[in-house]
Amino acid sequence: MSVQVDAAFAGRRVLVTGGAGFVGGGLVRRLVSAGAEVTVLDDLFTGLVETIPPGARFVRGSVTDAALVRDLVAQSSLVFHMAARNIIASTKNPRDDFETNIGGTLNVLLAARETRPDRVVYTSSTSVYGNPRSIPINEEDGVVPLSPYAVSKLAGEHYCLAFYESYGLPVGVVRYSNVYGLGQRPDNPYCGVVSKFFASAASSGVVSVHGDGEQTRDFTYVDDAVDATLLAAVHPRAEGEVFNVGTGIEISVNALALLIGRALGKEITVEHIDRRDVDNIRRRVVNIEKIRRMLRWSPQVTLEDGLARTAAWLAQASLVEPVRERVPRRSDG
């Protein structure tokens, strides 16, 4: 990310809903370091107050509280709407998913229509695509949401674009693909697969994979996701657009488990267990040419490097055992 882009946030009043979460926390840290005046709205359902850095104002509350949202949006020139129930919580409680992910998004957009911030950035998910007909997935490809979470995230996108077309509200949408990295704690029951694999590999040397493990994903390092999100807030070409945020590289869950073992410097065993209700996507890798072409964004961190950084952070935070000496490749001799 260029210094020029970071400088665009200096002195700006910014609201981040869900800013105590994993990606939200990373975004807030960047905004604070760039000199923005940041307010975080979070109900701490999955977030942690420790995630919020010094210098940011914290308001404990929910995006379902329309009056509170209206007040906070009115104080802000930029809004990052990241608050949501994640896929596991959404599947367990679809009504709560509806009220938070759809109703909360509508509250943010109604408040923004009234007070007119410079831009609203909505963070969505590549889960909206379901099982794609072709790989890699383009933004204009068909969407087939297969979970309550995917339904609600897609509804939020549609509301954003409808408010852009109907009311001229400046919005930008980013679709994240399996974000991982520093700040994703394995002791959070709603954390992603990378942190879960790190924790189990470090503690027992055994990684449990749901299904046959040949399902694929496109894993994005958190700093890259944050860079893309910041660009969507200030780049003039981002307004009214939807962008995939990923790497364009497809990897199986089995291969991911082995790479995590290498990042920890230890041999691991992969065991296969029953698939879950949420494990209904067979392949996923996104085309990132649109965001590369329009916003000049591209991922900077490879999966191997990102996993090494994650392993070091987890060890430093005493969340996994310290990283051992690297396991040599077979070809290393």
C-alpha atoms as a PDB file:
ATOM      1  CA  MET A   1       0.000   0.000   0.000  1.00  0.00           C
ATOM      2  CA  SER A   2       1.413   3.361  -0.975  1.00  0.00           C
ATOM      3  CA  VAL A   3       2.145   6.080   1.552  1.00  0.00           C
ATOM      4  CA  GLN A   4      -0.129   8.304  -0.537  1.00  0.00           C
ATOM      5  CA  VAL A   5      -3.148   6.062   0.093  1.00  0.00           C
ATOM      6  CA  ASP A   6      -2.453   5.827   3.823  1.00  0.00           C
ATOM      7  CA  ALA A   7      -2.101   9.609   3.936  1.00  0.00           C
ATOM      8  CA  ALA A   8      -5.642   9.941   2.559  1.00  0.00           C
ATOM      9  CA  PHE A   9      -6.978   8.852   5.967  1.00  0.00           C
ATOM     10  CA  ALA A  10      -5.047  11.331   8.118  1.00  0.00           C
ATOM     11  CA  GLY A  11      -7.474  13.392  10.198  1.00  0.00           C
ATOM     12  CA  ARG A  12     -10.530  11.648   8.722  1.00  0.00           C
ATOM     13  CA  ARG A  13     -13.372  10.645  11.034  1.00  0.00           C
ATOM     14  CA  VAL A  14     -13.892   6.953  10.362  1.00  0.00           C
ATOM     15  CA  LEU A  15     -16.468   4.484  11.686  1.00  0.00           C
ATOM     16  CA  VAL A  16     -15.628   0.775  11.599  1.00  0.00           C
ATOM     17  CA  THR A  17     -18.481  -1.546  12.508  1.00  0.00           C
ATOM     18  CA  GLY A  18     -17.128  -4.909  13.647  1.00  0.00           C
ATOM     19  CA  GLY A  19     -13.764  -3.300  14.347  1.00  0.00           C
ATOM     20  CA  ALA A  20     -13.011  -5.609  17.280  1.00  0.00           C
ATOM     21  CA  GLY A  21     -13.002  -8.622  14.986  1.00  0.00           C
ATOM     22  CA  PHE A  22     -10.121 -10.251  13.155  1.00  0.00           C
ATOM     23  CA  VAL A  23     -10.029  -8.319   9.860  1.00  0.00           C
ATOM     24  CA  GLY A  24     -11.733  -5.308  11.414  1.00  0.00           C
ATOM     25  CA  GLY A  25      -9.012  -5.081  14.032  1.00  0.00           C
ATOM     26  CA  GLY A  26      -6.332  -5.153  11.356  1.00  0.00           C
ATOM     27  CA  LEU A  27      -8.107  -2.364   9.483  1.00  0.00           C
ATOM     28  CA  VAL A  28      -8.481  -0.248  12.630  1.00  0.00           C
ATOM     29  CA  ARG A  29      -4.784  -0.565  13.418  1.00  0.00           C
ATOM     30  CA  ARG A  30      -3.895   0.667   9.951  1.00  0.00           C
ATOM     31  CA  LEU A  31      -6.311   3.576  10.167  1.00  0.00           C
ATOM     32  CA  VAL A  32      -5.020   4.653  13.566  1.00  0.00           C
ATOM     33  CA  SER A  33      -1.410   4.463  12.366  1.00  0.00           C
ATOM     34  CA  ALA A  34      -2.415   6.585   9.353  1.00  0.00           C
ATOM     35  CA  GLY A  35      -3.718   9.315  11.665  1.00  0.00           C
ATOM     36  CA  ALA A  36      -7.460   8.738  11.302  1.00  0.00           C
ATOM     37  CA  GLU A  37      -9.923   9.449  14.109  1.00  0.00           C
ATOM     38  CA  VAL A  38     -11.457   5.985  14.414  1.00  0.00           C
ATOM     39  CA  THR A  39     -14.629   4.886  16.177  1.00  0.00           C
ATOM     40  CA  VAL A  40     -15.265   1.153  16.535  1.00  0.00           C
ATOM     41  CA  LEU A  41     -18.798  -0.174  16.955  1.00  0.00           C
ATOM     42  CA  ASP A  42     -18.836  -3.814  18.044  1.00  0.00           C
ATOM     43  CA  ASP A  43     -21.057  -6.009  20.226  1.00  0.00           C
ATOM     44  CA  LEU A  44     -18.118  -8.375  21.002  1.00  0.00           C
ATOM     45  CA  PHE A  45     -20.095 -11.429  19.887  1.00  0.00           C
ATOM     46  CA  THR A  46     -16.933 -12.753  18.246  1.00  0.00           C
ATOM     47  CA  GLY A  47     -14.626  -9.759  18.634  1.00  0.00           C
ATOM     48  CA  LEU A  48     -12.337  -8.912  21.530  1.00  0.00           C
ATOM     49  CA  VAL A  49     -11.867  -5.487  23.043  1.00  0.00           C
ATOM     50  CA  GLU A  50      -8.112  -6.186  23.239  1.00  0.00           C
ATOM     51  CA  THR A  51      -8.073  -6.194  19.450  1.00  0.00           C
ATOM     52  CA  ILE A  52      -8.820  -2.466  19.358  1.00  0.00           C
ATOM     53  CA  PRO A  53      -5.579  -0.454  19.439  1.00  0.00           C
ATOM     54  CA  PRO A  54      -4.937   2.561  21.650  1.00  0.00           C
ATOM     55  CA  GLY A  55      -6.104   5.700  19.939  1.00  0.00           C
ATOM     56  CA  ALA A  56      -9.397   4.283  18.683  1.00  0.00           C
ATOM     57  CA  ARG A  57     -12.697   5.046  20.408  1.00  0.00           C
ATOM     58  CA  PHE A  58     -14.745   1.984  21.303  1.00  0.00           C
ATOM     59  CA  VAL A  59     -18.537   1.932  21.466  1.00  0.00           C
ATOM     60  CA  ARG A  60     -20.036  -1.350  22.597  1.00  0.00           C
ATOM     61  CA  GLY A  61     -23.268  -1.878  20.740  1.00  0.00           C
ATOM     62  CA  SER A  62     -24.891  -3.525  17.761  1.00  0.00           C
ATOM     63  CA  VAL A  63     -25.628  -2.475  14.202  1.00  0.00           C
ATOM     64  CA  THR A  64     -29.175  -3.645  14.934  1.00  0.00           C
ATOM     65  CA  ASP A  65     -29.558  -0.501  17.087  1.00  0.00           C
ATOM     66  CA  ALA A  66     -30.724   1.935  14.421  1.00  0.00           C
ATOM     67  CA  ALA A  67     -30.546   5.046  16.625  1.00  0.00           C
ATOM     68  CA  LEU A  68     -26.988   4.303  17.730  1.00  0.00           C
ATOM     69  CA  VAL A  69     -25.915   3.597  14.156  1.00  0.00           C
ATOM     70  CA  ARG A  70     -27.465   6.857  12.979  1.00  0.00           C
ATOM     71  CA  ASP A  71     -25.582   8.854  15.600  1.00  0.00           C
ATOM     72  CA  LEU A  72     -22.231   7.243  14.821  1.00  0.00           C
ATOM     73  CA  VAL A  73     -22.573   7.470  11.047  1.00  0.00           C
ATOM     74  CA  ALA A  74     -23.469  11.143  11.398  1.00  0.00           C
ATOM     75  CA  GLN A  75     -20.111  11.724  13.099  1.00  0.00           C
ATOM     76  CA  SER A  76     -18.119  10.016  10.341  1.00  0.00           C
ATOM     77  CA  SER A  77     -16.845  10.933   6.896  1.00  0.00           C
ATOM     78  CA  LEU A  78     -16.019   7.307   6.033  1.00  0.00           C
ATOM     79  CA  VAL A  79     -17.796   4.116   7.077  1.00  0.00           C
ATOM     80  CA  PHE A  80     -16.396   0.598   6.905  1.00  0.00           C
ATOM     81  CA  HIS A  81     -19.272  -1.792   7.526  1.00  0.00           C
ATOM     82  CA  MET A  82     -17.674  -5.065   8.621  1.00  0.00           C
ATOM     83  CA  ALA A  83     -20.005  -6.195  11.424  1.00  0.00           C
ATOM     84  CA  ALA A  84     -21.660  -9.549  10.724  1.00  0.00           C
ATOM     85  CA  ARG A  85     -22.507 -12.909  12.188  1.00  0.00           C
ATOM     86  CA  ASN A  86     -20.055 -15.385  10.696  1.00  0.00           C
ATOM     87  CA  ILE A  87     -20.988 -18.522   8.780  1.00  0.00           C
ATOM     88  CA  ILE A  88     -20.985 -20.899  11.777  1.00  0.00           C
ATOM     89  CA  ALA A  89     -23.096 -18.624  13.977  1.00  0.00           C
ATOM     90  CA  SER A  90     -25.396 -17.820  11.048  1.00  0.00           C
ATOM     91  CA  THR A  91     -26.042 -21.470  10.297  1.00  0.00           C
ATOM     92  CA  LYS A  92     -26.929 -22.113  13.937  1.00  0.00           C
ATOM     93  CA  ASN A  93     -29.249 -19.112  14.174  1.00  0.00           C
ATOM     94  CA  PRO A  94     -30.559 -17.826  10.808  1.00  0.00           C
ATOM     95  CA  ARG A  95     -32.886 -15.295  12.415  1.00  0.00           C
ATOM     96  CA  ASP A  96     -30.037 -13.606  14.256  1.00  0.00           C
ATOM     97  CA  ASP A  97     -28.092 -13.712  10.995  1.00  0.00           C
ATOM     98  CA  PHE A  98     -30.970 -11.934   9.239  1.00  0.00           C
ATOM     99  CA  GLU A  99     -31.320  -9.252  11.894  1.00  0.00           C
ATOM    100  CA  THR A 100     -27.579  -8.534  12.102  1.00  0.00           C
ATOM    101  CA  ASN A 101     -26.284  -9.070   8.583  1.00  0.00           C
ATOM    102  CA  ILE A 102     -29.275  -7.758   6.636  1.00  0.00           C
ATOM    103  CA  GLY A 103     -31.050  -5.515   9.143  1.00  0.00           C
ATOM    104  CA  GLY A 104     -27.784  -4.079  10.434  1.00  0.00           C
ATOM    105  CA  THR A 105     -26.600  -3.298   6.916  1.00  0.00           C
ATOM    106  CA  LEU A 106     -29.877  -1.561   6.125  1.00  0.00           C
ATOM    107  CA  ASN A 107     -29.477   0.530   9.304  1.00  0.00           C
ATOM    108  CA  VAL A 108     -26.008   1.638   8.172  1.00  0.00           C
ATOM    109  CA  LEU A 109     -27.213   2.508   4.672  1.00  0.00           C
ATOM    110  CA  LEU A 110     -30.275   4.415   5.884  1.00  0.00           C
ATOM    111  CA  ALA A 111     -28.090   6.439   8.231  1.00  0.00           C
ATOM    112  CA  ALA A 112     -25.595   7.088   5.437  1.00  0.00           C
ATOM    113  CA  ARG A 113     -28.371   8.181   3.057  1.00  0.00           C
ATOM    114  CA  GLU A 114     -29.371  10.745   5.651  1.00  0.00           C
ATOM    115  CA  THR A 115     -25.935  12.075   6.636  1.00  0.00           C
ATOM    116  CA  ARG A 116     -23.979  11.478   3.371  1.00  0.00           C
ATOM    117  CA  PRO A 117     -20.485  10.259   4.329  1.00  0.00           C
ATOM    118  CA  ASP A 118     -17.855  10.376   1.599  1.00  0.00           C
ATOM    119  CA  ARG A 119     -18.092   6.605   1.149  1.00  0.00           C
ATOM    120  CA  VAL A 120     -19.410   3.416   2.711  1.00  0.00           C
ATOM    121  CA  VAL A 121     -17.333   0.264   2.195  1.00  0.00           C
ATOM    122  CA  TYR A 122     -19.152  -3.013   2.679  1.00  0.00           C
ATOM    123  CA  THR A 123     -17.176  -6.193   3.284  1.00  0.00           C
ATOM    124  CA  SER A 124     -18.797  -9.237   1.727  1.00  0.00           C
ATOM    125  CA  SER A 125     -17.663 -12.785   1.088  1.00  0.00           C
ATOM    126  CA  THR A 126     -16.888 -15.048  -1.856  1.00  0.00           C
ATOM    127  CA  SER A 127     -19.269 -17.519  -0.217  1.00  0.00           C
ATOM    128  CA  VAL A 128     -21.998 -15.765  -2.254  1.00  0.00           C
ATOM    129  CA  TYR A 129     -20.819 -17.685  -5.348  1.00  0.00           C
ATOM    130  CA  GLY A 130     -21.674 -21.121  -3.995  1.00  0.00           C
ATOM    131  CA  ASN A 131     -20.312 -23.899  -6.196  1.00  0.00           C
ATOM    132  CA  PRO A 132     -19.170 -22.100  -9.348  1.00  0.00           C
ATOM    133  CA  ARG A 133     -19.638 -23.415 -12.863  1.00  0.00           C
ATOM    134  CA  SER A 134     -16.156 -22.276 -13.883  1.00  0.00           C
ATOM    135  CA  ILE A 135     -12.845 -21.468 -12.208  1.00  0.00           C
ATOM    136  CA  PRO A 136     -11.547 -18.843 -11.450  1.00  0.00           C
ATOM    137  CA  ILE A 137     -14.678 -16.964 -10.397  1.00  0.00           C
ATOM    138  CA  ASN A 138     -15.359 -13.526 -11.867  1.00  0.00           C
ATOM    139  CA  GLU A 139     -17.405 -10.822 -10.156  1.00  0.00           C
ATOM    140  CA  GLU A 140     -20.090 -11.002 -12.838  1.00  0.00           C
ATOM    141  CA  ASP A 141     -20.494 -14.781 -12.574  1.00  0.00           C
ATOM    142  CA  GLY A 142     -23.717 -16.161 -11.202  1.00  0.00           C
ATOM    143  CA  VAL A 143     -24.229 -16.333  -7.445  1.00  0.00           C
ATOM    144  CA  VAL A 144     -25.803 -19.323  -5.708  1.00  0.00           C
ATOM    145  CA  PRO A 145     -25.697 -18.772  -1.932  1.00  0.00           C
ATOM    146  CA  LEU A 146     -25.762 -22.112  -0.125  1.00  0.00           C
ATOM    147  CA  SER A 147     -25.864 -20.949   3.507  1.00  0.00           C
ATOM    148  CA  PRO A 148     -27.829 -18.377   5.509  1.00  0.00           C
ATOM    149  CA  TYR A 149     -24.582 -16.412   5.836  1.00  0.00           C
ATOM    150  CA  ALA A 150     -24.083 -16.283   2.074  1.00  0.00           C
ATOM    151  CA  VAL A 151     -27.702 -15.222   1.585  1.00  0.00           C
ATOM    152  CA  SER A 152     -27.374 -12.350   4.056  1.00  0.00           C
ATOM    153  CA  LYS A 153     -24.008 -11.151   2.745  1.00  0.00           C
ATOM    154  CA  LEU A 154     -25.396 -11.103  -0.798  1.00  0.00           C
ATOM    155  CA  ALA A 155     -28.476  -9.240   0.389  1.00  0.00           C
ATOM    156  CA  GLY A 156     -26.176  -6.645   1.938  1.00  0.00           C
ATOM    157  CA  GLU A 157     -24.382  -6.246  -1.382  1.00  0.00           C
ATOM    158  CA  HIS A 158     -27.677  -5.788  -3.195  1.00  0.00           C
ATOM    159  CA  TYR A 159     -28.810  -3.164  -0.701  1.00  0.00           C
ATOM    160  CA  CYS A 160     -25.521  -1.303  -1.144  1.00  0.00           C
ATOM    161  CA  LEU A 161     -25.811  -1.240  -4.926  1.00  0.00           C
ATOM    162  CA  ALA A 162     -29.510  -0.347  -4.738  1.00  0.00           C
ATOM    163  CA  PHE A 163     -28.695   2.636  -2.503  1.00  0.00           C
ATOM    164  CA  TYR A 164     -25.961   3.645  -4.947  1.00  0.00           C
ATOM    165  CA  GLU A 165     -28.363   3.555  -7.899  1.00  0.00           C
ATOM    166  CA  SER A 166     -31.467   4.870  -6.133  1.00  0.00           C
ATOM    167  CA  TYR A 167     -30.003   7.529  -3.849  1.00  0.00           C
ATOM    168  CA  GLY A 168     -26.534   8.214  -5.234  1.00  0.00           C
ATOM    169  CA  LEU A 169     -24.947   6.887  -2.048  1.00  0.00           C
ATOM    170  CA  PRO A 170     -21.193   6.371  -2.623  1.00  0.00           C
ATOM    171  CA  VAL A 171     -20.505   2.726  -1.796  1.00  0.00           C
ATOM    172  CA  GLY A 172     -17.852   0.144  -2.592  1.00  0.00           C
ATOM    173  CA  VAL A 173     -18.009  -3.613  -1.994  1.00  0.00           C
ATOM    174  CA  VAL A 174     -15.174  -6.084  -1.431  1.00  0.00           C
ATOM    175  CA  ARG A 175     -15.679  -9.851  -1.435  1.00  0.00           C
ATOM    176  CA  TYR A 176     -13.114 -11.502   0.833  1.00  0.00           C
ATOM    177  CA  SER A 177     -11.798 -14.986   0.135  1.00  0.00           C
ATOM    178  CA  ASN A 178     -10.714 -16.951   3.227  1.00  0.00           C
ATOM    179  CA  VAL A 179      -8.737 -14.290   5.060  1.00  0.00           C
ATOM    180  CA  TYR A 180      -6.146 -15.506   7.579  1.00  0.00           C
ATOM    181  CA  GLY A 181      -3.140 -14.176   9.480  1.00  0.00           C
ATOM    182  CA  LEU A 182      -2.098 -12.126  12.490  1.00  0.00           C
ATOM    183  CA  GLY A 183      -4.977 -11.506  14.875  1.00  0.00           C
ATOM    184  CA  GLN A 184      -6.973 -14.636  14.046  1.00  0.00           C
ATOM    185  CA  ARG A 185      -6.944 -16.386  17.400  1.00  0.00           C
ATOM    186  CA  PRO A 186      -7.407 -20.175  17.582  1.00  0.00           C
ATOM    187  CA  ASP A 187      -9.038 -19.849  21.007  1.00  0.00           C
ATOM    188  CA  ASN A 188     -11.959 -18.041  19.347  1.00  0.00           C
ATOM    189  CA  PRO A 189     -14.572 -20.729  18.555  1.00  0.00           C
ATOM    190  CA  TYR A 190     -15.507 -18.845  15.377  1.00  0.00           C
ATOM    191  CA  CYS A 191     -11.979 -18.540  13.983  1.00  0.00           C
ATOM    192  CA  GLY A 192     -11.092 -19.711  10.486  1.00  0.00           C
ATOM    193  CA  VAL A 193      -9.567 -22.985   9.340  1.00  0.00           C
ATOM    194  CA  VAL A 194      -5.973 -21.722   9.292  1.00  0.00           C
ATOM    195  CA  SER A 195      -5.931 -20.878  12.998  1.00  0.00           C
ATOM    196  CA  LYS A 196      -7.716 -24.107  13.891  1.00  0.00           C
ATOM    197  CA  PHE A 197      -5.168 -26.132  11.946  1.00  0.00           C
ATOM    198  CA  PHE A 198      -2.265 -24.293  13.580  1.00  0.00           C
ATOM    199  CA  ALA A 199      -3.629 -24.976  17.058  1.00  0.00           C
ATOM    200  CA  SER A 200      -4.241 -28.682  16.498  1.00  0.00           C
ATOM    201  CA  ALA A 201      -0.986 -29.218  14.587  1.00  0.00           C
ATOM    202  CA  ALA A 202       1.014 -27.517  17.326  1.00  0.00           C
ATOM    203  CA  SER A 203      -0.661 -29.319  20.223  1.00  0.00           C
ATOM    204  CA  SER A 204      -1.006 -32.869  18.889  1.00  0.00           C
ATOM    205  CA  GLY A 205       0.558 -33.042  15.451  1.00  0.00           C
ATOM    206  CA  VAL A 206      -2.807 -34.187  14.101  1.00  0.00           C
ATOM    207  CA  VAL A 207      -5.017 -32.025  11.893  1.00  0.00           C
ATOM    208  CA  SER A 208      -8.670 -33.029  11.480  1.00  0.00           C
ATOM    209  CA  VAL A 209     -10.020 -32.295   8.008  1.00  0.00           C
ATOM    210  CA  HIS A 210     -13.748 -32.414   7.292  1.00  0.00           C
ATOM    211  CA  GLY A 211     -14.493 -34.583   4.272  1.00  0.00           C
ATOM    212  CA  ASP A 212     -11.796 -35.853   1.906  1.00  0.00           C
ATOM    213  CA  GLY A 213      -9.766 -32.623   2.101  1.00  0.00           C
ATOM    214  CA  GLU A 214      -9.680 -32.157  -1.657  1.00  0.00           C
ATOM    215  CA  GLN A 215     -12.014 -29.170  -1.441  1.00  0.00           C
ATOM    216  CA  THR A 216     -10.107 -26.058  -2.493  1.00  0.00           C
ATOM    217  CA  ARG A 217      -9.966 -22.457  -1.337  1.00  0.00           C
ATOM    218  CA  ASP A 218      -8.179 -19.202  -2.133  1.00  0.00           C
ATOM    219  CA  PHE A 219      -6.459 -17.994   1.063  1.00  0.00           C
ATOM    220  CA  THR A 220      -5.799 -14.262   1.482  1.00  0.00           C
ATOM    221  CA  TYR A 221      -3.374 -12.783   3.992  1.00  0.00           C
ATOM    222  CA  VAL A 222      -4.994 -10.209   6.276  1.00  0.00           C
ATOM    223  CA  ASP A 223      -2.662  -7.321   5.363  1.00  0.00           C
ATOM    224  CA  ASP A 224      -3.554  -7.756   1.700  1.00  0.00           C
ATOM    225  CA  ALA A 225      -7.275  -7.773   2.526  1.00  0.00           C
ATOM    226  CA  VAL A 226      -6.851  -4.591   4.569  1.00  0.00           C
ATOM    227  CA  ASP A 227      -4.992  -2.897   1.703  1.00  0.00           C
ATOM    228  CA  ALA A 228      -7.817  -3.691  -0.703  1.00  0.00           C
ATOM    229  CA  THR A 229     -10.431  -2.444   1.761  1.00  0.00           C
ATOM    230  CA  LEU A 230      -8.635   0.863   2.260  1.00  0.00           C
ATOM    231  CA  LEU A 231      -8.368   1.362  -1.492  1.00  0.00           C
ATOM    232  CA  ALA A 232     -12.094   0.735  -1.867  1.00  0.00           C
ATOM    233  CA  ALA A 233     -12.700   3.662   0.497  1.00  0.00           C
ATOM    234  CA  VAL A 234     -10.683   6.279  -1.367  1.00  0.00           C
ATOM    235  CA  HIS A 235     -10.158   5.220  -4.978  1.00  0.00           C
ATOM    236  CA  PRO A 236     -12.580   7.074  -7.287  1.00  0.00           C
ATOM    237  CA  ARG A 237     -13.073   3.995  -9.491  1.00  0.00           C
ATOM    238  CA  ALA A 238     -14.258   1.873  -6.559  1.00  0.00           C
ATOM    239  CA  GLU A 239     -17.563   3.696  -6.215  1.00  0.00           C
ATOM    240  CA  GLY A 240     -20.542   1.514  -7.113  1.00  0.00           C
ATOM    241  CA  GLU A 241     -18.319  -1.513  -7.793  1.00  0.00           C
ATOM    242  CA  VAL A 242     -17.847  -5.020  -6.383  1.00  0.00           C
ATOM    243  CA  PHE A 243     -14.350  -6.508  -6.180  1.00  0.00           C
ATOM    244  CA  ASN A 244     -13.006  -9.977  -5.471  1.00  0.00           C
ATOM    245  CA  VAL A 245     -10.215  -9.916  -2.888  1.00  0.00           C
ATOM    246  CA  GLY A 246      -8.111 -13.060  -3.072  1.00  0.00           C
ATOM    247  CA  THR A 247      -4.934 -14.365  -4.670  1.00  0.00           C
ATOM    248  CA  GLY A 248      -6.114 -16.254  -7.740  1.00  0.00           C
ATOM    249  CA  ILE A 249      -4.318 -19.346  -6.400  1.00  0.00           C
ATOM    250  CA  GLU A 250      -6.290 -22.509  -5.596  1.00  0.00           C
ATOM    251  CA  ILE A 251      -5.087 -24.908  -2.898  1.00  0.00           C
ATOM    252  CA  SER A 252      -6.682 -27.971  -1.339  1.00  0.00           C
ATOM    253  CA  VAL A 253      -7.360 -28.187   2.376  1.00  0.00           C
ATOM    254  CA  ASN A 254      -5.092 -31.255   2.544  1.00  0.00           C
ATOM    255  CA  ALA A 255      -2.228 -29.255   1.038  1.00  0.00           C
ATOM    256  CA  LEU A 256      -2.937 -26.372   3.419  1.00  0.00           C
ATOM    257  CA  ALA A 257      -2.585 -28.714   6.397  1.00  0.00           C
ATOM    258  CA  LEU A 258       0.823 -29.891   5.200  1.00  0.00           C
ATOM    259  CA  LEU A 259       1.998 -26.303   4.628  1.00  0.00           C
ATOM    260  CA  ILE A 260       0.963 -25.428   8.181  1.00  0.00           C
ATOM    261  CA  GLY A 261       3.058 -28.324   9.438  1.00  0.00           C
ATOM    262  CA  ARG A 262       6.016 -26.934   7.527  1.00  0.00           C
ATOM    263  CA  ALA A 263       5.414 -23.456   8.963  1.00  0.00           C
ATOM    264  CA  LEU A 264       5.583 -24.983  12.435  1.00  0.00           C
ATOM    265  CA  GLY A 265       8.622 -27.033  11.541  1.00  0.00           C
ATOM    266  CA  LYS A 266       7.050 -30.363  12.418  1.00  0.00           C
ATOM    267  CA  GLU A 267       5.615 -33.414  10.706  1.00  0.00           C
ATOM    268  CA  ILE A 268       1.855 -33.703  11.019  1.00  0.00           C
ATOM    269  CA  THR A 269      -0.800 -36.309  10.387  1.00  0.00           C
ATOM    270  CA  VAL A 270      -4.023 -35.477   8.559  1.00  0.00           C
ATOM    271  CA  GLU A 271      -7.125 -37.339   9.705  1.00  0.00           C
ATOM    272  CA  HIS A 272     -10.405 -37.138   7.813  1.00  0.00           C
ATOM    273  CA  ILE A 273     -13.661 -36.716   9.695  1.00  0.00           C
ATOM    274  CA  ASP A 274     -17.301 -36.185   8.678  1.00  0.00           C
ATOM    275  CA  ARG A 275     -18.102 -33.064   6.694  1.00  0.00           C
ATOM    276  CA  ARG A 276     -20.219 -30.323   8.291  1.00  0.00           C
ATOM    277  CA  ASP A 277     -23.337 -28.545   7.044  1.00  0.00           C
ATOM    278  CA  VAL A 278     -21.201 -25.516   6.163  1.00  0.00           C
ATOM    279  CA  ASP A 279     -18.771 -27.594   4.081  1.00  0.00           C
ATOM    280  CA  ASN A 280     -20.807 -27.401   0.893  1.00  0.00           C
ATOM    281  CA  ILE A 281     -18.390 -25.592  -1.438  1.00  0.00           C
ATOM    282  CA  ARG A 282     -16.153 -27.930  -3.440  1.00  0.00           C
ATOM    283  CA  ARG A 283     -13.875 -25.484  -5.249  1.00  0.00           C
ATOM    284  CA  ARG A 284     -13.169 -21.800  -4.824  1.00  0.00           C
ATOM    285  CA  VAL A 285     -10.574 -19.541  -6.383  1.00  0.00           C
ATOM    286  CA  VAL A 286     -11.320 -16.026  -7.550  1.00  0.00           C
ATOM    287  CA  ASN A 287     -10.238 -13.930 -10.493  1.00  0.00           C
ATOM    288  CA  ILE A 288      -8.651 -10.715  -9.177  1.00  0.00           C
ATOM    289  CA  GLU A 289      -8.058  -9.052 -12.528  1.00  0.00           C
ATOM    290  CA  LYS A 290     -10.811  -6.468 -11.974  1.00  0.00           C
ATOM    291  CA  ILE A 291      -9.344  -5.061  -8.751  1.00  0.00           C
ATOM    292  CA  ARG A 292      -5.842  -5.297 -10.206  1.00  0.00           C
ATOM    293  CA  ARG A 293      -6.879  -3.332 -13.278  1.00  0.00           C
ATOM    294  CA  MET A 294      -9.189  -0.742 -11.694  1.00  0.00           C
ATOM    295  CA  LEU A 295      -7.602  -0.131  -8.288  1.00  0.00           C
ATOM    296  CA  ARG A 296      -4.030  -1.274  -9.009  1.00  0.00           C
ATOM    297  CA  TRP A 297      -4.218  -3.729  -6.113  1.00  0.00           C
ATOM    298  CA  SER A 298      -2.565  -7.112  -6.039  1.00  0.00           C
ATOM    299  CA  PRO A 299      -1.708  -9.432  -3.141  1.00  0.00           C
ATOM    300  CA  GLN A 300       1.810  -9.018  -1.792  1.00  0.00           C
ATOM    301  CA  VAL A 301       2.058 -11.982   0.606  1.00  0.00           C
ATOM    302  CA  THR A 302       2.348 -15.562  -0.619  1.00  0.00           C
ATOM    303  CA  LEU A 303       0.608 -18.336   1.274  1.00  0.00           C
ATOM    304  CA  GLU A 304       3.921 -19.789   2.481  1.00  0.00           C
ATOM    305  CA  ASP A 305       5.106 -16.397   3.733  1.00  0.00           C
ATOM    306  CA  GLY A 306       1.747 -15.622   5.302  1.00  0.00           C
ATOM    307  CA  LEU A 307       1.684 -18.927   7.150  1.00  0.00           C
ATOM    308  CA  ALA A 308       5.224 -18.341   8.417  1.00  0.00           C
ATOM    309  CA  ARG A 309       4.222 -14.897   9.717  1.00  0.00           C
ATOM    310  CA  THR A 310       1.114 -16.378  11.311  1.00  0.00           C
ATOM    311  CA  ALA A 311       3.089 -19.152  13.008  1.00  0.00           C
ATOM    312  CA  ALA A 312       5.556 -16.630  14.440  1.00  0.00           C
ATOM    313  CA  TRP A 313       2.743 -14.410  15.731  1.00  0.00           C
ATOM    314  CA  LEU A 314       0.877 -17.309  17.312  1.00  0.00           C
ATOM    315  CA  ALA A 315       4.054 -18.413  19.087  1.00  0.00           C
ATOM    316  CA  GLN A 316       4.833 -14.872  20.259  1.00  0.00           C
ATOM    317  CA  ALA A 317       1.294 -14.552  21.610  1.00  0.00           C
ATOM    318  CA  SER A 318       1.709 -17.943  23.350  1.00  0.00           C
ATOM    319  CA  LEU A 319      -1.232 -19.341  21.391  1.00  0.00           C
ATOM    320  CA  VAL A 320       0.821 -22.220  19.943  1.00  0.00           C
ATOM    321  CA  GLU A 321       4.180 -23.799  20.696  1.00  0.00           C
ATOM    322  CA  PRO A 322       7.232 -21.891  19.411  1.00  0.00           C
ATOM    323  CA  VAL A 323       8.176 -22.547  15.800  1.00  0.00           C
ATOM    324  CA  ARG A 324      10.837 -25.223  15.477  1.00  0.00           C
ATOM    325  CA  GLU A 325      13.569 -25.570  12.895  1.00  0.00           C
ATOM    326  CA  ARG A 326      12.090 -25.898   9.416  1.00  0.00           C
ATOM    327  CA  VAL A 327      11.339 -29.375   8.159  1.00  0.00           C
ATOM    328  CA  PRO A 328      13.495 -29.845   5.020  1.00  0.00           C
ATOM    329  CA  ARG A 329      11.837 -30.598   1.720  1.00  0.00           C
ATOM    330  CA  ARG A 330      12.475 -34.008   0.217  1.00  0.00           C
ATOM    331  CA  SER A 331      14.541 -32.361  -2.500  1.00  0.00           C
ATOM    332  CA  ASP A 332      16.726 -30.508   0.017  1.00  0.00           C
ATOM    333  CA  GLY A 333      18.913 -33.610   0.395  1.00  0.00           C
END
